[in-house]
Amino acid sequence: MISLVIISGRSGSGKSTALHVLEDIGYFCIDNLPVSLLQPLIGRLAEDQTTSLVAVSIDARNIPIDLQNFPDIISSIDKDIVTHRIIFLDSGNATLVRRFSETRRKHPLSDQATGLKEALDLETTLLDPISSTADLTIDTTRLTIHELRDLVRSRITQDTHEFALLFQSFAYKNGVPVDADLVFDVRCLPNPHWKPGLRSLTGLDLPVIEFLGSEADVSKMYEDIRGFLTSWLPSFEANNRSYMTIAIGCTGGQHRSVYMSQKLYQNFSPRWKNVQIRHRELSNISV
């Protein structure tokens, strides 16, 4: 059985980094594979039977009609020969523009008539057939290269039959994570930001935990979200979902969303082997 990982995404989002991680752990990797060669590659690997771990990177430099045919090509793969996962990496436009500026690289779709912003928009359109079929979308906007490497190792290289669950707190003022599967808004809850002594703390600190834990609305919101996830996560898992990202947002991503994400993480950790927690707006905090 061949295990195939397809890495795609917009230029500057981290495709090369993800591919290098897979190469380091033993995957046979091909960068910038033409979509039309995907099926012949699988046939050759099945015939040779010497390589079972394969990762390919597919980007917008493909022939446009081949990219449009990507969903049909994927659906025609013989599941008795290949198990596949599609990983799509993306970042906000401002972040991609900054990365290209810092590295002084030229976008592959830009030219004298097409500026960087137009090239990024065109790339989004060209890659839509891949992004819409992705099993996992990773937003690298706020990730360092080291964090991306760790995320790839923990979420892509795991056993394909293991359900991975990520709880992520975030700030609405900085945008909803593009990799979120389910989003819960907790901005209606009492805000510790307005309580003396709590403003500089986070949802990981005991005084904030005690304050939010004493609020009836907070407890009711937690029970409602916990009940919903308890009821429906098994259905997502049974529907061959390998990954689920549950995003919890508040205004600043510091108190309420952190507290709620942490409680849900603690509740669901004993139920699945691969349950992770990430607080997007908090730096230098490991859980």
C-alpha atoms as a PDB file:
ATOM      1  CA  MET A   1       0.000   0.000   0.000  1.00  0.00           C
ATOM      2  CA  ILE A   2       1.341   3.412  -0.994  1.00  0.00           C
ATOM      3  CA  SER A   3       0.882   6.328   1.407  1.00  0.00           C
ATOM      4  CA  LEU A   4       0.713   9.521  -0.671  1.00  0.00           C
ATOM      5  CA  VAL A   5       0.822  13.042   0.774  1.00  0.00           C
ATOM      6  CA  ILE A   6       0.038  15.905  -1.609  1.00  0.00           C
ATOM      7  CA  ILE A   7       1.346  19.289  -0.469  1.00  0.00           C
ATOM      8  CA  SER A   8      -0.064  22.402  -2.117  1.00  0.00           C
ATOM      9  CA  GLY A   9      -0.645  26.037  -1.305  1.00  0.00           C
ATOM     10  CA  ARG A  10       0.157  29.557  -2.356  1.00  0.00           C
ATOM     11  CA  SER A  11       3.762  30.596  -2.940  1.00  0.00           C
ATOM     12  CA  GLY A  12       5.457  31.664   0.278  1.00  0.00           C
ATOM     13  CA  SER A  13       3.126  29.707   2.564  1.00  0.00           C
ATOM     14  CA  GLY A  14       5.672  27.015   3.498  1.00  0.00           C
ATOM     15  CA  LYS A  15       5.301  24.184   0.959  1.00  0.00           C
ATOM     16  CA  SER A  16       9.053  23.631   0.685  1.00  0.00           C
ATOM     17  CA  THR A  17       9.408  23.493   4.464  1.00  0.00           C
ATOM     18  CA  ALA A  18       6.635  20.899   4.738  1.00  0.00           C
ATOM     19  CA  LEU A  19       8.152  18.802   1.952  1.00  0.00           C
ATOM     20  CA  HIS A  20      11.591  18.915   3.576  1.00  0.00           C
ATOM     21  CA  VAL A  21      10.141  17.668   6.868  1.00  0.00           C
ATOM     22  CA  LEU A  22       8.597  14.683   5.103  1.00  0.00           C
ATOM     23  CA  GLU A  23      11.841  14.025   3.252  1.00  0.00           C
ATOM     24  CA  ASP A  24      13.743  14.014   6.535  1.00  0.00           C
ATOM     25  CA  ILE A  25      11.506  11.270   7.968  1.00  0.00           C
ATOM     26  CA  GLY A  26      11.803   8.972   5.001  1.00  0.00           C
ATOM     27  CA  TYR A  27       9.295  10.078   2.365  1.00  0.00           C
ATOM     28  CA  PHE A  28      10.241   9.961  -1.317  1.00  0.00           C
ATOM     29  CA  CYS A  29       9.575  13.586  -2.294  1.00  0.00           C
ATOM     30  CA  ILE A  30       8.943  15.294  -5.637  1.00  0.00           C
ATOM     31  CA  ASP A  31       8.666  19.082  -5.894  1.00  0.00           C
ATOM     32  CA  ASN A  32       6.421  20.831  -8.450  1.00  0.00           C
ATOM     33  CA  LEU A  33       4.895  17.676  -9.926  1.00  0.00           C
ATOM     34  CA  PRO A  34       2.695  18.268 -13.006  1.00  0.00           C
ATOM     35  CA  VAL A  35      -0.834  17.150 -12.133  1.00  0.00           C
ATOM     36  CA  SER A  36      -0.994  15.124 -15.356  1.00  0.00           C
ATOM     37  CA  LEU A  37       1.867  12.948 -14.086  1.00  0.00           C
ATOM     38  CA  LEU A  38       0.188  12.014 -10.804  1.00  0.00           C
ATOM     39  CA  GLN A  39      -1.539   8.900 -12.112  1.00  0.00           C
ATOM     40  CA  PRO A  40       1.531   7.666 -14.074  1.00  0.00           C
ATOM     41  CA  LEU A  41       3.632   8.177 -10.934  1.00  0.00           C
ATOM     42  CA  ILE A  42       1.248   6.070  -8.857  1.00  0.00           C
ATOM     43  CA  GLY A  43       1.245   3.366 -11.521  1.00  0.00           C
ATOM     44  CA  ARG A  44       5.039   3.292 -11.624  1.00  0.00           C
ATOM     45  CA  LEU A  45       5.329   3.132  -7.835  1.00  0.00           C
ATOM     46  CA  ALA A  46       2.747   0.330  -7.638  1.00  0.00           C
ATOM     47  CA  GLU A  47       4.680  -1.600 -10.276  1.00  0.00           C
ATOM     48  CA  ASP A  48       8.063  -1.072  -8.630  1.00  0.00           C
ATOM     49  CA  GLN A  49       6.857  -1.737  -5.028  1.00  0.00           C
ATOM     50  CA  THR A  50      10.055  -0.411  -3.454  1.00  0.00           C
ATOM     51  CA  THR A  51       8.661   2.905  -2.167  1.00  0.00           C
ATOM     52  CA  SER A  52       5.598   3.122   0.064  1.00  0.00           C
ATOM     53  CA  LEU A  53       5.931   6.652   1.481  1.00  0.00           C
ATOM     54  CA  VAL A  54       5.562   9.344  -1.186  1.00  0.00           C
ATOM     55  CA  ALA A  55       5.053  13.121  -0.953  1.00  0.00           C
ATOM     56  CA  VAL A  56       4.572  15.475  -3.887  1.00  0.00           C
ATOM     57  CA  SER A  57       4.246  19.234  -4.094  1.00  0.00           C
ATOM     58  CA  ILE A  58       1.784  20.671  -6.609  1.00  0.00           C
ATOM     59  CA  ASP A  59       1.631  24.410  -7.230  1.00  0.00           C
ATOM     60  CA  ALA A  60       0.113  26.977  -9.565  1.00  0.00           C
ATOM     61  CA  ARG A  61       2.821  26.560 -12.209  1.00  0.00           C
ATOM     62  CA  ASN A  62       0.820  23.633 -13.569  1.00  0.00           C
ATOM     63  CA  ILE A  63      -1.210  23.837 -16.777  1.00  0.00           C
ATOM     64  CA  PRO A  64      -4.505  25.494 -15.685  1.00  0.00           C
ATOM     65  CA  ILE A  65      -6.765  22.831 -17.210  1.00  0.00           C
ATOM     66  CA  ASP A  66      -4.823  20.140 -15.323  1.00  0.00           C
ATOM     67  CA  LEU A  67      -5.436  21.980 -12.061  1.00  0.00           C
ATOM     68  CA  GLN A  68      -9.142  22.152 -12.867  1.00  0.00           C
ATOM     69  CA  ASN A  69      -9.141  18.384 -13.408  1.00  0.00           C
ATOM     70  CA  PHE A  70      -7.416  17.715 -10.069  1.00  0.00           C
ATOM     71  CA  PRO A  71     -10.584  16.594  -8.184  1.00  0.00           C
ATOM     72  CA  ASP A  72     -11.420  14.087 -10.922  1.00  0.00           C
ATOM     73  CA  ILE A  73      -7.866  12.737 -10.957  1.00  0.00           C
ATOM     74  CA  ILE A  74      -7.910  12.299  -7.177  1.00  0.00           C
ATOM     75  CA  SER A  75     -11.292  10.572  -7.178  1.00  0.00           C
ATOM     76  CA  SER A  76     -10.034   8.074  -9.746  1.00  0.00           C
ATOM     77  CA  ILE A  77      -7.130   6.888  -7.594  1.00  0.00           C
ATOM     78  CA  ASP A  78      -7.404   3.195  -6.735  1.00  0.00           C
ATOM     79  CA  LYS A  79      -7.954   3.148  -2.956  1.00  0.00           C
ATOM     80  CA  ASP A  80      -6.804  -0.468  -2.826  1.00  0.00           C
ATOM     81  CA  ILE A  81      -3.356   0.703  -3.930  1.00  0.00           C
ATOM     82  CA  VAL A  82      -3.023   4.198  -2.465  1.00  0.00           C
ATOM     83  CA  THR A  83      -4.118   6.051   0.651  1.00  0.00           C
ATOM     84  CA  HIS A  84      -3.776   9.781   0.139  1.00  0.00           C
ATOM     85  CA  ARG A  85      -3.950  13.005   2.102  1.00  0.00           C
ATOM     86  CA  ILE A  86      -4.107  16.510   0.638  1.00  0.00           C
ATOM     87  CA  ILE A  87      -2.477  19.252   2.734  1.00  0.00           C
ATOM     88  CA  PHE A  88      -3.039  22.870   1.709  1.00  0.00           C
ATOM     89  CA  LEU A  89      -0.885  25.649   3.176  1.00  0.00           C
ATOM     90  CA  ASP A  90      -1.925  29.291   3.085  1.00  0.00           C
ATOM     91  CA  SER A  91      -1.196  32.673   4.639  1.00  0.00           C
ATOM     92  CA  GLY A  92      -2.770  36.103   4.622  1.00  0.00           C
ATOM     93  CA  ASN A  93      -1.933  38.343   1.662  1.00  0.00           C
ATOM     94  CA  ALA A  94      -0.087  40.865   3.822  1.00  0.00           C
ATOM     95  CA  THR A  95       2.121  38.115   5.253  1.00  0.00           C
ATOM     96  CA  LEU A  96       2.909  36.684   1.813  1.00  0.00           C
ATOM     97  CA  VAL A  97       3.769  40.140   0.477  1.00  0.00           C
ATOM     98  CA  ARG A  98       6.094  40.701   3.438  1.00  0.00           C
ATOM     99  CA  ARG A  99       7.783  37.317   2.940  1.00  0.00           C
ATOM    100  CA  PHE A 100       8.433  38.005  -0.736  1.00  0.00           C
ATOM    101  CA  SER A 101       9.790  41.437   0.172  1.00  0.00           C
ATOM    102  CA  GLU A 102      12.116  40.015   2.831  1.00  0.00           C
ATOM    103  CA  THR A 103      13.479  37.259   0.597  1.00  0.00           C
ATOM    104  CA  ARG A 104      13.491  39.461  -2.545  1.00  0.00           C
ATOM    105  CA  ARG A 105      12.081  36.515  -4.489  1.00  0.00           C
ATOM    106  CA  LYS A 106       9.865  36.889  -7.518  1.00  0.00           C
ATOM    107  CA  HIS A 107       6.415  35.321  -7.421  1.00  0.00           C
ATOM    108  CA  PRO A 108       6.267  32.578 -10.088  1.00  0.00           C
ATOM    109  CA  LEU A 109       3.116  34.103 -11.644  1.00  0.00           C
ATOM    110  CA  SER A 110       4.251  37.734 -11.619  1.00  0.00           C
ATOM    111  CA  ASP A 111       5.758  39.531 -14.589  1.00  0.00           C
ATOM    112  CA  GLN A 112       5.977  43.031 -16.007  1.00  0.00           C
ATOM    113  CA  ALA A 113       2.217  43.097 -16.519  1.00  0.00           C
ATOM    114  CA  THR A 114       1.216  41.256 -13.332  1.00  0.00           C
ATOM    115  CA  GLY A 115       2.093  42.657  -9.916  1.00  0.00           C
ATOM    116  CA  LEU A 116       2.515  40.645  -6.729  1.00  0.00           C
ATOM    117  CA  LYS A 117      -1.035  41.246  -5.434  1.00  0.00           C
ATOM    118  CA  GLU A 118      -2.550  40.263  -8.779  1.00  0.00           C
ATOM    119  CA  ALA A 119      -0.331  37.175  -8.898  1.00  0.00           C
ATOM    120  CA  LEU A 120      -1.488  36.106  -5.431  1.00  0.00           C
ATOM    121  CA  ASP A 121      -5.140  36.554  -6.409  1.00  0.00           C
ATOM    122  CA  LEU A 122      -4.601  34.573  -9.620  1.00  0.00           C
ATOM    123  CA  GLU A 123      -2.839  31.842  -7.654  1.00  0.00           C
ATOM    124  CA  THR A 124      -5.818  31.568  -5.294  1.00  0.00           C
ATOM    125  CA  THR A 125      -8.144  31.028  -8.237  1.00  0.00           C
ATOM    126  CA  LEU A 126      -5.894  28.488  -9.946  1.00  0.00           C
ATOM    127  CA  LEU A 127      -5.438  26.434  -6.769  1.00  0.00           C
ATOM    128  CA  ASP A 128      -9.103  26.471  -5.737  1.00  0.00           C
ATOM    129  CA  PRO A 129      -9.718  22.904  -7.088  1.00  0.00           C
ATOM    130  CA  ILE A 130      -6.988  21.680  -4.728  1.00  0.00           C
ATOM    131  CA  SER A 131      -7.837  23.821  -1.695  1.00  0.00           C
ATOM    132  CA  SER A 132     -11.504  22.814  -1.911  1.00  0.00           C
ATOM    133  CA  THR A 133     -10.600  19.111  -1.723  1.00  0.00           C
ATOM    134  CA  ALA A 134      -7.928  19.415   0.985  1.00  0.00           C
ATOM    135  CA  ASP A 135      -8.093  17.117   4.006  1.00  0.00           C
ATOM    136  CA  LEU A 136      -6.195  19.666   6.076  1.00  0.00           C
ATOM    137  CA  THR A 137      -5.599  23.400   5.603  1.00  0.00           C
ATOM    138  CA  ILE A 138      -2.799  24.975   7.642  1.00  0.00           C
ATOM    139  CA  ASP A 139      -2.691  28.738   8.160  1.00  0.00           C
ATOM    140  CA  THR A 140       0.992  29.658   8.425  1.00  0.00           C
ATOM    141  CA  THR A 141       0.408  33.397   8.851  1.00  0.00           C
ATOM    142  CA  ARG A 142       1.559  33.471  12.474  1.00  0.00           C
ATOM    143  CA  LEU A 143       3.773  30.394  12.491  1.00  0.00           C
ATOM    144  CA  THR A 144       7.557  30.494  12.667  1.00  0.00           C
ATOM    145  CA  ILE A 145       9.419  28.022  10.487  1.00  0.00           C
ATOM    146  CA  HIS A 146      10.121  25.917  13.590  1.00  0.00           C
ATOM    147  CA  GLU A 147       6.450  25.896  14.592  1.00  0.00           C
ATOM    148  CA  LEU A 148       5.467  24.881  11.059  1.00  0.00           C
ATOM    149  CA  ARG A 149       7.949  22.016  11.098  1.00  0.00           C
ATOM    150  CA  ASP A 150       6.596  20.790  14.437  1.00  0.00           C
ATOM    151  CA  LEU A 151       3.011  21.090  13.191  1.00  0.00           C
ATOM    152  CA  VAL A 152       3.796  19.115  10.044  1.00  0.00           C
ATOM    153  CA  ARG A 153       5.448  16.369  12.079  1.00  0.00           C
ATOM    154  CA  SER A 154       2.562  16.132  14.553  1.00  0.00           C
ATOM    155  CA  ARG A 155      -0.349  16.411  12.124  1.00  0.00           C
ATOM    156  CA  ILE A 156       0.854  14.999   8.819  1.00  0.00           C
ATOM    157  CA  THR A 157       3.184  12.186   9.783  1.00  0.00           C
ATOM    158  CA  GLN A 158       0.797  10.553  12.244  1.00  0.00           C
ATOM    159  CA  ASP A 159      -0.979   7.244  11.647  1.00  0.00           C
ATOM    160  CA  THR A 160      -3.607   7.886   8.957  1.00  0.00           C
ATOM    161  CA  HIS A 161      -6.214   6.047  11.029  1.00  0.00           C
ATOM    162  CA  GLU A 162      -5.715   8.263  14.064  1.00  0.00           C
ATOM    163  CA  PHE A 163      -8.157  11.121  14.562  1.00  0.00           C
ATOM    164  CA  ALA A 164      -6.343  14.385  15.322  1.00  0.00           C
ATOM    165  CA  LEU A 165      -8.118  17.169  17.191  1.00  0.00           C
ATOM    166  CA  LEU A 166      -6.726  20.694  17.626  1.00  0.00           C
ATOM    167  CA  PHE A 167      -8.250  23.341  19.903  1.00  0.00           C
ATOM    168  CA  GLN A 168      -7.089  26.840  18.982  1.00  0.00           C
ATOM    169  CA  SER A 169      -7.846  30.140  20.686  1.00  0.00           C
ATOM    170  CA  PHE A 170      -7.676  33.304  18.602  1.00  0.00           C
ATOM    171  CA  ALA A 171      -8.515  37.008  18.485  1.00  0.00           C
ATOM    172  CA  TYR A 172     -11.247  38.160  16.119  1.00  0.00           C
ATOM    173  CA  LYS A 173      -9.382  41.429  15.678  1.00  0.00           C
ATOM    174  CA  ASN A 174      -6.606  39.440  13.978  1.00  0.00           C
ATOM    175  CA  GLY A 175      -8.907  37.354  11.810  1.00  0.00           C
ATOM    176  CA  VAL A 176     -10.487  33.898  11.966  1.00  0.00           C
ATOM    177  CA  PRO A 177      -7.966  31.073  11.367  1.00  0.00           C
ATOM    178  CA  VAL A 178      -8.340  29.820   7.795  1.00  0.00           C
ATOM    179  CA  ASP A 179      -7.663  26.235   8.906  1.00  0.00           C
ATOM    180  CA  ALA A 180     -10.622  26.158  11.325  1.00  0.00           C
ATOM    181  CA  ASP A 181     -13.257  23.471  10.751  1.00  0.00           C
ATOM    182  CA  LEU A 182     -15.595  24.709  13.509  1.00  0.00           C
ATOM    183  CA  VAL A 183     -15.592  28.219  15.010  1.00  0.00           C
ATOM    184  CA  PHE A 184     -17.187  29.264  18.310  1.00  0.00           C
ATOM    185  CA  ASP A 185     -17.535  32.934  19.296  1.00  0.00           C
ATOM    186  CA  VAL A 186     -17.232  33.605  23.049  1.00  0.00           C
ATOM    187  CA  ARG A 187     -17.184  37.421  22.876  1.00  0.00           C
ATOM    188  CA  CYS A 188     -20.598  37.535  24.563  1.00  0.00           C
ATOM    189  CA  LEU A 189     -19.103  36.231  27.832  1.00  0.00           C
ATOM    190  CA  PRO A 190     -17.928  38.436  30.745  1.00  0.00           C
ATOM    191  CA  ASN A 191     -14.555  39.946  29.860  1.00  0.00           C
ATOM    192  CA  PRO A 192     -11.715  39.831  32.447  1.00  0.00           C
ATOM    193  CA  HIS A 193     -10.105  42.687  30.502  1.00  0.00           C
ATOM    194  CA  TRP A 194     -12.366  45.086  32.400  1.00  0.00           C
ATOM    195  CA  LYS A 195     -11.549  43.679  35.855  1.00  0.00           C
ATOM    196  CA  PRO A 196      -8.752  45.333  37.875  1.00  0.00           C
ATOM    197  CA  GLY A 197      -5.805  43.011  38.253  1.00  0.00           C
ATOM    198  CA  LEU A 198      -6.882  40.630  35.460  1.00  0.00           C
ATOM    199  CA  ARG A 199      -6.178  42.708  32.342  1.00  0.00           C
ATOM    200  CA  SER A 200      -2.489  41.783  32.095  1.00  0.00           C
ATOM    201  CA  LEU A 201      -3.126  38.073  32.803  1.00  0.00           C
ATOM    202  CA  THR A 202      -4.292  35.324  30.448  1.00  0.00           C
ATOM    203  CA  GLY A 203      -6.807  32.506  30.487  1.00  0.00           C
ATOM    204  CA  LEU A 204      -4.013  30.247  31.734  1.00  0.00           C
ATOM    205  CA  ASP A 205      -3.614  32.203  34.991  1.00  0.00           C
ATOM    206  CA  LEU A 206      -5.480  31.086  38.113  1.00  0.00           C
ATOM    207  CA  PRO A 207      -7.185  34.432  38.929  1.00  0.00           C
ATOM    208  CA  VAL A 208      -8.707  34.529  35.423  1.00  0.00           C
ATOM    209  CA  ILE A 209      -9.663  30.854  35.623  1.00  0.00           C
ATOM    210  CA  GLU A 210     -11.398  31.439  38.958  1.00  0.00           C
ATOM    211  CA  PHE A 211     -13.203  34.548  37.688  1.00  0.00           C
ATOM    212  CA  LEU A 212     -14.508  32.896  34.507  1.00  0.00           C
ATOM    213  CA  GLY A 213     -15.257  29.644  36.317  1.00  0.00           C
ATOM    214  CA  SER A 214     -17.590  31.503  38.693  1.00  0.00           C
ATOM    215  CA  GLU A 215     -19.681  33.013  35.885  1.00  0.00           C
ATOM    216  CA  ALA A 216     -22.891  31.110  35.059  1.00  0.00           C
ATOM    217  CA  ASP A 217     -22.899  32.185  31.396  1.00  0.00           C
ATOM    218  CA  VAL A 218     -19.355  30.886  30.954  1.00  0.00           C
ATOM    219  CA  SER A 219     -20.277  27.513  32.418  1.00  0.00           C
ATOM    220  CA  LYS A 220     -23.381  27.283  30.237  1.00  0.00           C
ATOM    221  CA  MET A 221     -21.419  28.178  27.078  1.00  0.00           C
ATOM    222  CA  TYR A 222     -18.795  25.552  27.940  1.00  0.00           C
ATOM    223  CA  GLU A 223     -21.431  22.860  28.499  1.00  0.00           C
ATOM    224  CA  ASP A 224     -23.185  23.731  25.239  1.00  0.00           C
ATOM    225  CA  ILE A 225     -19.964  23.542  23.201  1.00  0.00           C
ATOM    226  CA  ARG A 226     -18.794  20.415  25.020  1.00  0.00           C
ATOM    227  CA  GLY A 227     -22.159  18.753  24.435  1.00  0.00           C
ATOM    228  CA  PHE A 228     -22.173  19.645  20.738  1.00  0.00           C
ATOM    229  CA  LEU A 229     -18.651  18.298  20.216  1.00  0.00           C
ATOM    230  CA  THR A 230     -19.359  15.176  22.254  1.00  0.00           C
ATOM    231  CA  SER A 231     -22.345  14.446  20.041  1.00  0.00           C
ATOM    232  CA  TRP A 232     -20.837  15.230  16.648  1.00  0.00           C
ATOM    233  CA  LEU A 233     -17.066  14.636  16.712  1.00  0.00           C
ATOM    234  CA  PRO A 234     -17.579  10.834  16.497  1.00  0.00           C
ATOM    235  CA  SER A 235     -19.638  11.400  13.345  1.00  0.00           C
ATOM    236  CA  PHE A 236     -16.862  13.452  11.763  1.00  0.00           C
ATOM    237  CA  GLU A 237     -14.370  10.729  12.681  1.00  0.00           C
ATOM    238  CA  ALA A 238     -16.658   8.024  11.267  1.00  0.00           C
ATOM    239  CA  ASN A 239     -16.864  10.010   8.017  1.00  0.00           C
ATOM    240  CA  ASN A 240     -13.126   9.438   7.444  1.00  0.00           C
ATOM    241  CA  ARG A 241     -12.047  12.829   8.784  1.00  0.00           C
ATOM    242  CA  SER A 242      -8.433  12.650   9.948  1.00  0.00           C
ATOM    243  CA  TYR A 243      -8.189  16.195  11.309  1.00  0.00           C
ATOM    244  CA  MET A 244     -10.484  18.655  13.057  1.00  0.00           C
ATOM    245  CA  THR A 245      -9.544  22.158  14.166  1.00  0.00           C
ATOM    246  CA  ILE A 246     -11.892  23.756  16.708  1.00  0.00           C
ATOM    247  CA  ALA A 247     -11.302  27.509  16.895  1.00  0.00           C
ATOM    248  CA  ILE A 248     -12.526  29.530  19.884  1.00  0.00           C
ATOM    249  CA  GLY A 249     -12.450  33.289  19.441  1.00  0.00           C
ATOM    250  CA  CYS A 250     -12.783  36.356  21.633  1.00  0.00           C
ATOM    251  CA  THR A 251     -11.829  39.989  21.107  1.00  0.00           C
ATOM    252  CA  GLY A 252      -8.150  39.870  22.060  1.00  0.00           C
ATOM    253  CA  GLY A 253      -7.445  36.134  22.185  1.00  0.00           C
ATOM    254  CA  GLN A 254      -6.048  36.499  25.704  1.00  0.00           C
ATOM    255  CA  HIS A 255      -8.673  35.586  28.314  1.00  0.00           C
ATOM    256  CA  ARG A 256     -12.014  34.022  27.357  1.00  0.00           C
ATOM    257  CA  SER A 257     -10.987  32.087  24.262  1.00  0.00           C
ATOM    258  CA  VAL A 258      -7.863  30.777  25.991  1.00  0.00           C
ATOM    259  CA  TYR A 259      -9.838  29.657  29.042  1.00  0.00           C
ATOM    260  CA  MET A 260     -12.533  27.951  26.943  1.00  0.00           C
ATOM    261  CA  SER A 261     -10.058  26.236  24.606  1.00  0.00           C
ATOM    262  CA  GLN A 262      -8.077  24.976  27.580  1.00  0.00           C
ATOM    263  CA  LYS A 263     -11.150  23.505  29.293  1.00  0.00           C
ATOM    264  CA  LEU A 264     -12.249  21.754  26.105  1.00  0.00           C
ATOM    265  CA  TYR A 265      -8.737  20.443  25.528  1.00  0.00           C
ATOM    266  CA  GLN A 266      -8.647  19.011  29.048  1.00  0.00           C
ATOM    267  CA  ASN A 267     -12.068  17.430  28.582  1.00  0.00           C
ATOM    268  CA  PHE A 268     -11.360  15.743  25.243  1.00  0.00           C
ATOM    269  CA  SER A 269      -7.703  14.754  25.764  1.00  0.00           C
ATOM    270  CA  PRO A 270      -8.598  11.426  27.443  1.00  0.00           C
ATOM    271  CA  ARG A 271     -10.937  10.469  24.563  1.00  0.00           C
ATOM    272  CA  TRP A 272      -8.475  10.582  21.648  1.00  0.00           C
ATOM    273  CA  LYS A 273      -4.742   9.954  21.473  1.00  0.00           C
ATOM    274  CA  ASN A 274      -3.921  13.015  19.385  1.00  0.00           C
ATOM    275  CA  VAL A 275      -5.506  16.097  20.958  1.00  0.00           C
ATOM    276  CA  GLN A 276      -3.535  19.344  20.757  1.00  0.00           C
ATOM    277  CA  ILE A 277      -3.888  22.889  22.031  1.00  0.00           C
ATOM    278  CA  ARG A 278      -2.636  26.145  20.518  1.00  0.00           C
ATOM    279  CA  HIS A 279      -3.187  29.703  21.701  1.00  0.00           C
ATOM    280  CA  ARG A 280      -2.508  31.757  18.587  1.00  0.00           C
ATOM    281  CA  GLU A 281      -2.168  35.139  20.217  1.00  0.00           C
ATOM    282  CA  LEU A 282      -0.043  34.070  23.160  1.00  0.00           C
ATOM    283  CA  SER A 283       3.673  33.954  22.476  1.00  0.00           C
ATOM    284  CA  ASN A 284       6.278  31.861  24.278  1.00  0.00           C
ATOM    285  CA  ILE A 285       3.675  29.716  26.023  1.00  0.00           C
ATOM    286  CA  SER A 286       3.843  25.929  25.721  1.00  0.00           C
ATOM    287  CA  VAL A 287       1.197  23.626  27.120  1.00  0.00           C
END
